[in-house]
C-alpha atoms as a PDB file:
ATOM      1  CA  MET A   1     -15.279   1.886  22.464  1.00  0.00           C
ATOM      2  CA  GLU A   2     -15.558  -0.728  19.701  1.00  0.00           C
ATOM      3  CA  ILE A   3     -13.056   0.095  16.977  1.00  0.00           C
ATOM      4  CA  ARG A   4     -12.992  -3.115  14.989  1.00  0.00           C
ATOM      5  CA  PRO A   5     -15.171  -3.074  11.871  1.00  0.00           C
ATOM      6  CA  PRO A   6     -17.527  -5.968  11.167  1.00  0.00           C
ATOM      7  CA  LEU A   7     -15.614  -6.963   8.042  1.00  0.00           C
ATOM      8  CA  ARG A   8     -12.773  -9.301   8.967  1.00  0.00           C
ATOM      9  CA  ALA A   9     -10.782 -11.696   6.843  1.00  0.00           C
ATOM     10  CA  ALA A  10      -9.016 -14.567   8.543  1.00  0.00           C
ATOM     11  CA  VAL A  11      -5.469 -15.326   7.455  1.00  0.00           C
ATOM     12  CA  PRO A  12      -6.039 -17.599   4.457  1.00  0.00           C
ATOM     13  CA  ALA A  13      -4.612 -21.031   3.947  1.00  0.00           C
ATOM     14  CA  GLN A  14      -1.482 -21.328   1.830  1.00  0.00           C
ATOM     15  CA  GLY A  15      -2.449 -20.779  -1.805  1.00  0.00           C
ATOM     16  CA  ALA A  16      -5.573 -18.745  -1.027  1.00  0.00           C
ATOM     17  CA  ARG A  17      -3.695 -15.479  -0.462  1.00  0.00           C
ATOM     18  CA  PHE A  18      -3.311 -13.152  -3.429  1.00  0.00           C
ATOM     19  CA  GLU A  19       0.191 -13.278  -4.896  1.00  0.00           C
ATOM     20  CA  PHE A  20       1.029  -9.607  -4.564  1.00  0.00           C
ATOM     21  CA  GLY A  21       4.674 -10.181  -5.385  1.00  0.00           C
ATOM     22  CA  ARG A  22       3.932 -11.696  -8.804  1.00  0.00           C
ATOM     23  CA  ASN A  23       1.915  -8.589  -9.610  1.00  0.00           C
ATOM     24  CA  TRP A  24       4.781  -6.332  -8.522  1.00  0.00           C
ATOM     25  CA  ARG A  25       7.262  -8.240 -10.674  1.00  0.00           C
ATOM     26  CA  LYS A  26       5.111  -7.490 -13.711  1.00  0.00           C
ATOM     27  CA  PHE A  27       4.806  -3.851 -12.640  1.00  0.00           C
ATOM     28  CA  LEU A  28       8.596  -3.455 -12.629  1.00  0.00           C
ATOM     29  CA  ALA A  29       8.632  -4.264 -16.340  1.00  0.00           C
ATOM     30  CA  THR A  30       6.679  -1.010 -16.884  1.00  0.00           C
ATOM     31  CA  LEU A  31       8.651   1.142 -14.443  1.00  0.00           C
ATOM     32  CA  THR A  32      10.033   4.339 -15.966  1.00  0.00           C
ATOM     33  CA  ASP A  33      11.980   7.322 -14.673  1.00  0.00           C
ATOM     34  CA  GLU A  34       8.744   9.316 -14.917  1.00  0.00           C
ATOM     35  CA  ARG A  35       7.003   6.905 -12.558  1.00  0.00           C
ATOM     36  CA  ILE A  36       9.877   7.136 -10.091  1.00  0.00           C
ATOM     37  CA  GLU A  37       9.563  10.929 -10.180  1.00  0.00           C
ATOM     38  CA  SER A  38       5.816  10.589  -9.568  1.00  0.00           C
ATOM     39  CA  ALA A  39       6.508   8.449  -6.501  1.00  0.00           C
ATOM     40  CA  LYS A  40       8.931  11.069  -5.199  1.00  0.00           C
ATOM     41  CA  SER A  41       6.358  13.803  -5.768  1.00  0.00           C
ATOM     42  CA  SER A  42       3.810  11.756  -3.831  1.00  0.00           C
ATOM     43  CA  LEU A  43       6.163  11.503  -0.830  1.00  0.00           C
ATOM     44  CA  ARG A  44       6.946  15.218  -0.978  1.00  0.00           C
ATOM     45  CA  GLU A  45       3.239  16.047  -0.956  1.00  0.00           C
ATOM     46  CA  LEU A  46       2.366  13.620   1.837  1.00  0.00           C
ATOM     47  CA  LEU A  47       5.229  14.729   4.082  1.00  0.00           C
ATOM     48  CA  ARG A  48       5.157  18.411   3.046  1.00  0.00           C
ATOM     49  CA  THR A  49       8.894  18.543   2.493  1.00  0.00           C
ATOM     50  CA  GLU A  50      11.332  18.668  -0.398  1.00  0.00           C
ATOM     51  CA  THR A  51      13.931  16.423   1.180  1.00  0.00           C
ATOM     52  CA  LEU A  52      14.086  13.560   3.678  1.00  0.00           C
ATOM     53  CA  SER A  53      17.727  14.282   4.501  1.00  0.00           C
ATOM     54  CA  GLY A  54      18.646  13.042   7.962  1.00  0.00           C
ATOM     55  CA  LYS A  55      15.465  10.955   8.284  1.00  0.00           C
ATOM     56  CA  SER A  56      15.363   7.185   8.690  1.00  0.00           C
ATOM     57  CA  PHE A  57      12.644   5.467   6.649  1.00  0.00           C
ATOM     58  CA  VAL A  58      10.965   2.061   6.814  1.00  0.00           C
ATOM     59  CA  ASP A  59       8.723   0.765   4.037  1.00  0.00           C
ATOM     60  CA  VAL A  60       6.282  -1.701   5.631  1.00  0.00           C
ATOM     61  CA  GLY A  61       5.014  -4.049   2.932  1.00  0.00           C
ATOM     62  CA  CYS A  62       7.356  -2.605   0.343  1.00  0.00           C
ATOM     63  CA  GLY A  63       5.953  -4.404  -2.716  1.00  0.00           C
ATOM     64  CA  SER A  64       8.121  -3.480  -5.686  1.00  0.00           C
ATOM     65  CA  GLY A  65      10.338  -1.243  -3.551  1.00  0.00           C
ATOM     66  CA  LEU A  66       9.380   1.827  -5.605  1.00  0.00           C
ATOM     67  CA  PHE A  67       8.707   4.059  -2.618  1.00  0.00           C
ATOM     68  CA  SER A  68      11.826   2.889  -0.814  1.00  0.00           C
ATOM     69  CA  LEU A  69      13.797   3.979  -3.875  1.00  0.00           C
ATOM     70  CA  ALA A  70      11.892   7.263  -3.954  1.00  0.00           C
ATOM     71  CA  ALA A  71      12.662   7.880  -0.260  1.00  0.00           C
ATOM     72  CA  TRP A  72      16.346   7.140  -0.864  1.00  0.00           C
ATOM     73  CA  GLN A  73      16.466   9.527  -3.792  1.00  0.00           C
ATOM     74  CA  LEU A  74      14.938  12.157  -1.476  1.00  0.00           C
ATOM     75  CA  ARG A  75      17.999  11.508   0.732  1.00  0.00           C
ATOM     76  CA  ALA A  76      16.383   9.439   3.506  1.00  0.00           C
ATOM     77  CA  SER A  77      18.960   7.253   5.274  1.00  0.00           C
ATOM     78  CA  PRO A  78      18.962   4.563   6.408  1.00  0.00           C
ATOM     79  CA  VAL A  79      16.106   2.984   4.463  1.00  0.00           C
ATOM     80  CA  HIS A  80      14.733  -0.450   5.312  1.00  0.00           C
ATOM     81  CA  SER A  81      12.174  -2.298   3.195  1.00  0.00           C
ATOM     82  CA  PHE A  82      10.385  -5.470   4.164  1.00  0.00           C
ATOM     83  CA  ASP A  83       7.510  -7.569   2.923  1.00  0.00           C
ATOM     84  CA  TYR A  84       5.833 -10.846   3.861  1.00  0.00           C
ATOM     85  CA  ASP A  85       5.690 -12.004   0.232  1.00  0.00           C
ATOM     86  CA  PRO A  86       9.022 -13.452  -0.986  1.00  0.00           C
ATOM     87  CA  ASP A  87       8.262 -12.395  -4.568  1.00  0.00           C
ATOM     88  CA  SER A  88       7.815  -8.811  -3.368  1.00  0.00           C
ATOM     89  CA  VAL A  89      11.155  -9.023  -1.583  1.00  0.00           C
ATOM     90  CA  SER A  90      12.855 -10.320  -4.722  1.00  0.00           C
ATOM     91  CA  SER A  91      11.188  -7.555  -6.753  1.00  0.00           C
ATOM     92  CA  ALA A  92      12.531  -4.904  -4.384  1.00  0.00           C
ATOM     93  CA  LEU A  93      15.987  -6.504  -4.495  1.00  0.00           C
ATOM     94  CA  MET A  94      15.836  -6.449  -8.291  1.00  0.00           C
ATOM     95  CA  LEU A  95      14.934  -2.758  -8.246  1.00  0.00           C
ATOM     96  CA  LYS A  96      17.760  -1.964  -5.832  1.00  0.00           C
ATOM     97  CA  SER A  97      20.281  -3.959  -7.851  1.00  0.00           C
ATOM     98  CA  HIS A  98      19.397  -1.903 -10.908  1.00  0.00           C
ATOM     99  CA  HIS A  99      19.573   1.533  -9.256  1.00  0.00           C
ATOM    100  CA  LEU A 100      21.767   1.168  -6.148  1.00  0.00           C
ATOM    101  CA  PRO A 101      23.624  -2.146  -6.346  1.00  0.00           C
ATOM    102  CA  THR A 102      26.363  -1.263  -3.845  1.00  0.00           C
ATOM    103  CA  GLU A 103      24.376   0.885  -1.389  1.00  0.00           C
ATOM    104  CA  THR A 104      24.485  -0.605   2.119  1.00  0.00           C
ATOM    105  CA  ALA A 105      22.263   1.955   3.846  1.00  0.00           C
ATOM    106  CA  TRP A 106      19.218   0.627   1.981  1.00  0.00           C
ATOM    107  CA  THR A 107      18.431  -2.854   3.315  1.00  0.00           C
ATOM    108  CA  ILE A 108      15.678  -5.231   2.212  1.00  0.00           C
ATOM    109  CA  GLY A 109      14.330  -8.212   4.129  1.00  0.00           C
ATOM    110  CA  GLN A 110      11.480 -10.653   4.392  1.00  0.00           C
ATOM    111  CA  GLY A 111       9.285 -10.172   7.428  1.00  0.00           C
ATOM    112  CA  SER A 112       5.728  -9.720   8.615  1.00  0.00           C
ATOM    113  CA  ILE A 113       4.229  -6.739  10.406  1.00  0.00           C
ATOM    114  CA  LEU A 114       2.419  -9.353  12.516  1.00  0.00           C
ATOM    115  CA  ASP A 115       5.749 -10.777  13.732  1.00  0.00           C
ATOM    116  CA  LYS A 116       6.690  -8.792  16.847  1.00  0.00           C
ATOM    117  CA  GLY A 117       9.996 -10.635  17.130  1.00  0.00           C
ATOM    118  CA  TYR A 118      11.033  -9.424  13.690  1.00  0.00           C
ATOM    119  CA  LEU A 119       9.901  -5.868  14.421  1.00  0.00           C
ATOM    120  CA  GLU A 120      11.992  -5.760  17.581  1.00  0.00           C
ATOM    121  CA  THR A 121      15.107  -6.324  15.457  1.00  0.00           C
ATOM    122  CA  LEU A 122      14.378  -3.205  13.400  1.00  0.00           C
ATOM    123  CA  GLY A 123      14.192  -0.489  16.042  1.00  0.00           C
ATOM    124  CA  ARG A 124      12.376   2.766  15.363  1.00  0.00           C
ATOM    125  CA  PHE A 125      12.295   5.136  12.413  1.00  0.00           C
ATOM    126  CA  ASP A 126      11.600   8.793  11.735  1.00  0.00           C
ATOM    127  CA  ILE A 127       9.206   7.925   8.886  1.00  0.00           C
ATOM    128  CA  VAL A 128       7.118   4.762   8.833  1.00  0.00           C
ATOM    129  CA  TYR A 129       5.401   4.269   5.489  1.00  0.00           C
ATOM    130  CA  SER A 130       2.789   1.569   4.903  1.00  0.00           C
ATOM    131  CA  TRP A 131       0.627   2.238   1.877  1.00  0.00           C
ATOM    132  CA  GLY A 132      -2.278  -0.084   1.178  1.00  0.00           C
ATOM    133  CA  VAL A 133      -0.714  -2.960   3.098  1.00  0.00           C
ATOM    134  CA  LEU A 134      -2.079  -3.526   6.603  1.00  0.00           C
ATOM    135  CA  HIS A 135      -5.608  -4.328   5.426  1.00  0.00           C
ATOM    136  CA  HIS A 136      -4.139  -7.304   3.510  1.00  0.00           C
ATOM    137  CA  THR A 137      -2.454  -9.007   6.474  1.00  0.00           C
ATOM    138  CA  GLY A 138      -5.432 -11.020   7.732  1.00  0.00           C
ATOM    139  CA  ASP A 139      -5.369  -9.179  11.088  1.00  0.00           C
ATOM    140  CA  MET A 140      -5.464  -5.469  10.312  1.00  0.00           C
ATOM    141  CA  TRP A 141      -5.991  -4.210  13.853  1.00  0.00           C
ATOM    142  CA  GLN A 142      -3.060  -6.200  15.195  1.00  0.00           C
ATOM    143  CA  ALA A 143      -0.979  -4.889  12.297  1.00  0.00           C
ATOM    144  CA  LEU A 144      -2.018  -1.321  13.140  1.00  0.00           C
ATOM    145  CA  ASP A 145      -1.083  -1.903  16.764  1.00  0.00           C
ATOM    146  CA  ASN A 146       2.293  -3.322  15.747  1.00  0.00           C
ATOM    147  CA  VAL A 147       3.183  -0.629  13.214  1.00  0.00           C
ATOM    148  CA  ARG A 148       3.077   2.129  15.798  1.00  0.00           C
ATOM    149  CA  SER A 149       5.980   0.470  17.618  1.00  0.00           C
ATOM    150  CA  LEU A 150       8.221   1.346  14.667  1.00  0.00           C
ATOM    151  CA  VAL A 151       7.657   5.115  14.944  1.00  0.00           C
ATOM    152  CA  ASN A 152      10.128   7.318  16.786  1.00  0.00           C
ATOM    153  CA  GLU A 153       8.734   9.870  19.225  1.00  0.00           C
ATOM    154  CA  GLY A 154       8.141  12.915  17.050  1.00  0.00           C
ATOM    155  CA  GLY A 155       8.229  10.648  14.012  1.00  0.00           C
ATOM    156  CA  THR A 156       5.746  10.372  11.168  1.00  0.00           C
ATOM    157  CA  LEU A 157       3.427   7.501  10.288  1.00  0.00           C
ATOM    158  CA  VAL A 158       1.944   7.380   6.778  1.00  0.00           C
ATOM    159  CA  LEU A 159      -0.924   4.944   6.165  1.00  0.00           C
ATOM    160  CA  ALA A 160      -3.439   4.122   3.481  1.00  0.00           C
ATOM    161  CA  ILE A 161      -6.317   1.888   4.602  1.00  0.00           C
ATOM    162  CA  TYR A 162      -9.299   0.752   2.536  1.00  0.00           C
ATOM    163  CA  ASN A 163     -12.478   2.679   3.150  1.00  0.00           C
ATOM    164  CA  ASP A 164     -15.425   0.840   4.713  1.00  0.00           C
ATOM    165  CA  GLN A 165     -18.350   0.960   2.281  1.00  0.00           C
ATOM    166  CA  GLY A 166     -20.557  -1.414   4.215  1.00  0.00           C
ATOM    167  CA  ARG A 167     -22.425  -3.766   1.873  1.00  0.00           C
ATOM    168  CA  ALA A 168     -20.243  -2.851  -1.112  1.00  0.00           C
ATOM    169  CA  SER A 169     -17.120  -3.858   0.835  1.00  0.00           C
ATOM    170  CA  ARG A 170     -18.701  -7.187   1.750  1.00  0.00           C
ATOM    171  CA  ASN A 171     -19.524  -7.769  -1.908  1.00  0.00           C
ATOM    172  CA  TRP A 172     -15.937  -7.053  -2.927  1.00  0.00           C
ATOM    173  CA  LEU A 173     -14.731  -9.462  -0.249  1.00  0.00           C
ATOM    174  CA  ARG A 174     -16.767 -12.227  -1.888  1.00  0.00           C
ATOM    175  CA  ILE A 175     -15.370 -11.335  -5.318  1.00  0.00           C
ATOM    176  CA  LYS A 176     -11.808 -11.424  -4.020  1.00  0.00           C
ATOM    177  CA  LYS A 177     -12.322 -14.829  -2.444  1.00  0.00           C
ATOM    178  CA  ILE A 178     -13.727 -16.222  -5.697  1.00  0.00           C
ATOM    179  CA  TYR A 179     -10.845 -14.746  -7.714  1.00  0.00           C
ATOM    180  CA  ASN A 180      -8.218 -16.365  -5.495  1.00  0.00           C
ATOM    181  CA  GLN A 181      -9.979 -19.735  -5.455  1.00  0.00           C
ATOM    182  CA  LEU A 182     -10.015 -19.957  -9.259  1.00  0.00           C
ATOM    183  CA  PRO A 183      -7.147 -21.509 -11.235  1.00  0.00           C
ATOM    184  CA  ARG A 184      -4.884 -18.777 -12.581  1.00  0.00           C
ATOM    185  CA  ASN A 185      -5.952 -19.363 -16.196  1.00  0.00           C
ATOM    186  CA  LEU A 186      -9.621 -18.814 -15.286  1.00  0.00           C
ATOM    187  CA  ARG A 187      -9.299 -15.670 -13.190  1.00  0.00           C
ATOM    188  CA  PHE A 188     -10.176 -13.502 -16.192  1.00  0.00           C
ATOM    189  CA  ILE A 189     -13.778 -14.616 -15.573  1.00  0.00           C
ATOM    190  CA  VAL A 190     -13.776 -12.380 -12.501  1.00  0.00           C
ATOM    191  CA  LEU A 191     -11.164  -9.845 -13.587  1.00  0.00           C
ATOM    192  CA  LEU A 192     -12.762  -8.648 -16.833  1.00  0.00           C
ATOM    193  CA  PRO A 193     -16.230  -7.841 -15.382  1.00  0.00           C
ATOM    194  CA  ALA A 194     -14.538  -6.123 -12.446  1.00  0.00           C
ATOM    195  CA  PHE A 195     -12.394  -4.103 -14.845  1.00  0.00           C
ATOM    196  CA  ALA A 196     -15.537  -3.033 -16.711  1.00  0.00           C
ATOM    197  CA  ARG A 197     -17.127  -2.009 -13.403  1.00  0.00           C
ATOM    198  CA  LEU A 198     -14.079  -0.067 -12.207  1.00  0.00           C
ATOM    199  CA  TRP A 199     -12.960   1.603 -15.434  1.00  0.00           C
ATOM    200  CA  GLY A 200     -15.912   1.365 -17.836  1.00  0.00           C
ATOM    201  CA  PRO A 201     -17.732   4.581 -16.816  1.00  0.00           C
ATOM    202  CA  THR A 202     -14.499   6.605 -16.866  1.00  0.00           C
ATOM    203  CA  LEU A 203     -13.442   5.305 -20.284  1.00  0.00           C
ATOM    204  CA  VAL A 204     -16.895   6.009 -21.731  1.00  0.00           C
ATOM    205  CA  ARG A 205     -16.925   9.570 -20.331  1.00  0.00           C
ATOM    206  CA  ASP A 206     -13.469  10.249 -21.743  1.00  0.00           C
ATOM    207  CA  ALA A 207     -14.551   8.999 -25.161  1.00  0.00           C
ATOM    208  CA  LEU A 208     -17.712  11.129 -25.140  1.00  0.00           C
ATOM    209  CA  ARG A 209     -15.658  14.193 -24.222  1.00  0.00           C
ATOM    210  CA  GLY A 210     -13.358  13.643 -27.190  1.00  0.00           C
ATOM    211  CA  ARG A 211     -10.323  12.604 -25.151  1.00  0.00           C
ATOM    212  CA  PRO A 212     -10.245   8.796 -25.328  1.00  0.00           C
ATOM    213  CA  LEU A 213      -8.199   6.999 -22.661  1.00  0.00           C
ATOM    214  CA  TYR A 214      -7.272  10.323 -21.020  1.00  0.00           C
ATOM    215  CA  HIS A 215      -7.562   9.115 -17.418  1.00  0.00           C
ATOM    216  CA  TRP A 216      -5.984   5.752 -18.273  1.00  0.00           C
ATOM    217  CA  LYS A 217      -2.939   7.386 -19.863  1.00  0.00           C
ATOM    218  CA  ASN A 218      -2.561   9.893 -17.015  1.00  0.00           C
ATOM    219  CA  TYR A 219      -3.368   7.541 -14.149  1.00  0.00           C
ATOM    220  CA  ASP A 220       0.208   7.106 -12.965  1.00  0.00           C
ATOM    221  CA  ASN A 221       0.887  10.834 -12.639  1.00  0.00           C
ATOM    222  CA  GLU A 222      -0.071  10.849  -8.949  1.00  0.00           C
ATOM    223  CA  ARG A 223       1.886   7.915  -7.469  1.00  0.00           C
ATOM    224  CA  GLY A 224       3.780   6.332 -10.328  1.00  0.00           C
ATOM    225  CA  MET A 225       1.573   3.263 -10.397  1.00  0.00           C
ATOM    226  CA  SER A 226       0.278   1.235 -13.332  1.00  0.00           C
ATOM    227  CA  PRO A 227      -3.525   1.328 -13.834  1.00  0.00           C
ATOM    228  CA  TRP A 228      -3.798  -2.289 -14.976  1.00  0.00           C
ATOM    229  CA  ARG A 229      -1.595  -3.608 -12.156  1.00  0.00           C
ATOM    230  CA  ASP A 230      -3.713  -1.638  -9.672  1.00  0.00           C
ATOM    231  CA  VAL A 231      -6.885  -3.241 -11.074  1.00  0.00           C
ATOM    232  CA  VAL A 232      -5.384  -6.715 -10.642  1.00  0.00           C
ATOM    233  CA  ASP A 233      -4.185  -5.787  -7.145  1.00  0.00           C
ATOM    234  CA  TRP A 234      -7.645  -4.512  -6.187  1.00  0.00           C
ATOM    235  CA  VAL A 235      -9.641  -7.451  -7.553  1.00  0.00           C
ATOM    236  CA  GLY A 236      -7.239 -10.080  -6.233  1.00  0.00           C
ATOM    237  CA  GLY A 237      -6.189  -8.357  -3.020  1.00  0.00           C
ATOM    238  CA  TYR A 238      -7.021 -10.843  -0.266  1.00  0.00           C
ATOM    239  CA  PRO A 239      -7.023 -10.943   2.767  1.00  0.00           C
ATOM    240  CA  PHE A 240      -9.139  -7.795   2.755  1.00  0.00           C
ATOM    241  CA  GLU A 241     -10.309  -5.585   5.619  1.00  0.00           C
ATOM    242  CA  VAL A 242     -11.660  -2.066   5.776  1.00  0.00           C
ATOM    243  CA  ALA A 243     -12.169   0.721   8.312  1.00  0.00           C
ATOM    244  CA  ARG A 244     -13.976   4.009   8.626  1.00  0.00           C
ATOM    245  CA  PRO A 245     -11.785   7.097   9.084  1.00  0.00           C
ATOM    246  CA  GLU A 246     -13.077   7.715  12.612  1.00  0.00           C
ATOM    247  CA  GLN A 247     -12.115   4.181  13.661  1.00  0.00           C
ATOM    248  CA  ILE A 248      -8.521   4.673  12.552  1.00  0.00           C
ATOM    249  CA  HIS A 249      -8.408   8.115  14.129  1.00  0.00           C
ATOM    250  CA  ASP A 250      -9.802   6.943  17.481  1.00  0.00           C
ATOM    251  CA  PHE A 251      -7.314   4.072  17.568  1.00  0.00           C
ATOM    252  CA  PHE A 252      -4.207   6.184  16.992  1.00  0.00           C
ATOM    253  CA  TYR A 253      -5.390   9.147  19.061  1.00  0.00           C
ATOM    254  CA  ALA A 254      -5.666   6.831  22.062  1.00  0.00           C
ATOM    255  CA  GLU A 255      -2.071   5.723  21.446  1.00  0.00           C
ATOM    256  CA  GLY A 256      -0.598   9.243  21.466  1.00  0.00           C
ATOM    257  CA  PHE A 257      -0.629  10.018  17.728  1.00  0.00           C
ATOM    258  CA  GLU A 258      -1.770  13.354  16.329  1.00  0.00           C
ATOM    259  CA  LEU A 259      -3.469  13.392  12.935  1.00  0.00           C
ATOM    260  CA  LEU A 260      -1.697  15.861  10.668  1.00  0.00           C
ATOM    261  CA  ARG A 261      -3.515  15.168   7.407  1.00  0.00           C
ATOM    262  CA  LEU A 262      -6.426  13.056   6.227  1.00  0.00           C
ATOM    263  CA  LYS A 263      -7.615  12.483   2.691  1.00  0.00           C
ATOM    264  CA  THR A 264     -10.746  10.360   2.494  1.00  0.00           C
ATOM    265  CA  ALA A 265     -11.941   8.214  -0.373  1.00  0.00           C
ATOM    266  CA  GLY A 266     -15.166  10.220  -0.413  1.00  0.00           C
ATOM    267  CA  GLY A 267     -17.275   7.119   0.124  1.00  0.00           C
ATOM    268  CA  GLY A 268     -15.569   5.228  -2.705  1.00  0.00           C
ATOM    269  CA  ILE A 269     -13.594   1.997  -2.831  1.00  0.00           C
ATOM    270  CA  ALA A 270     -10.169   3.598  -2.574  1.00  0.00           C
ATOM    271  CA  CYS A 271      -8.002   4.075   0.514  1.00  0.00           C
ATOM    272  CA  ASN A 272      -8.354   6.745   3.132  1.00  0.00           C
ATOM    273  CA  GLU A 273      -4.923   8.331   3.560  1.00  0.00           C
ATOM    274  CA  TYR A 274      -3.508   9.302   6.969  1.00  0.00           C
ATOM    275  CA  VAL A 275      -0.404  11.146   8.103  1.00  0.00           C
ATOM    276  CA  TYR A 276       0.246  11.022  11.873  1.00  0.00           C
ATOM    277  CA  GLU A 277       2.898  12.386  14.220  1.00  0.00           C
ATOM    278  CA  ARG A 278       3.792  10.399  17.311  1.00  0.00           C
ATOM    279  CA  ARG A 279       3.529  12.654  20.358  1.00  0.00           C
ATOM    280  CA  ARG A 280       4.382  10.081  23.022  1.00  0.00           C
END
């Protein structure tokens, strides 16, 4: 059975990859206690539990470290965060130094999900969390194969992978390449039209309904994220790969994982969300 989608993005040359860590550093400047609570609520809903007490947790592609902090505050221990991007690692370290400067059971390191040698040093975890990350590695299917090695038997794997929209996904791939090839001071040429495409209809509807900026102001209620930083992340996010829900399901089913929950993007550009349990 062919499980690899036609849309692939080779690992880009140095300088062509989107600087996710720089985006996360700017996000931390907007981080509030309310957004941390939203992140905790998101984990509770995904994992259908009020506490992660007694559970080990690894945050694969941790970005700002927000969800590692949320897992710790839900009493997960130990917690390990890692990211390929050194700016993401420094962002997570900054977050930890602010909230848990002396905590030794939350560790943060630089590493790649494509590096099997690094993964072997980590062992296995009760909860493996990788949200919107593996499709940005340049080899998503290898990353998916590698991430399962981190999950304990009976453990939980939480993934968010971009939905395959066919032609629309290929168009976005071209936009992302152009964005990353432009000098930083010219990227607004791509970013502003994309922002109008992504948010324009929603902002117009809110205004016509007499509640201007309603969805913008309430955007971070679900996961604690910043709407503008998410726009930048989406437009710039390269490498970029996508998959249909059945492709992800077939892949993990064959590897002994049972799908517990699936939330699809409904044909849109967002991620399909998966929660798996490792049976063997």
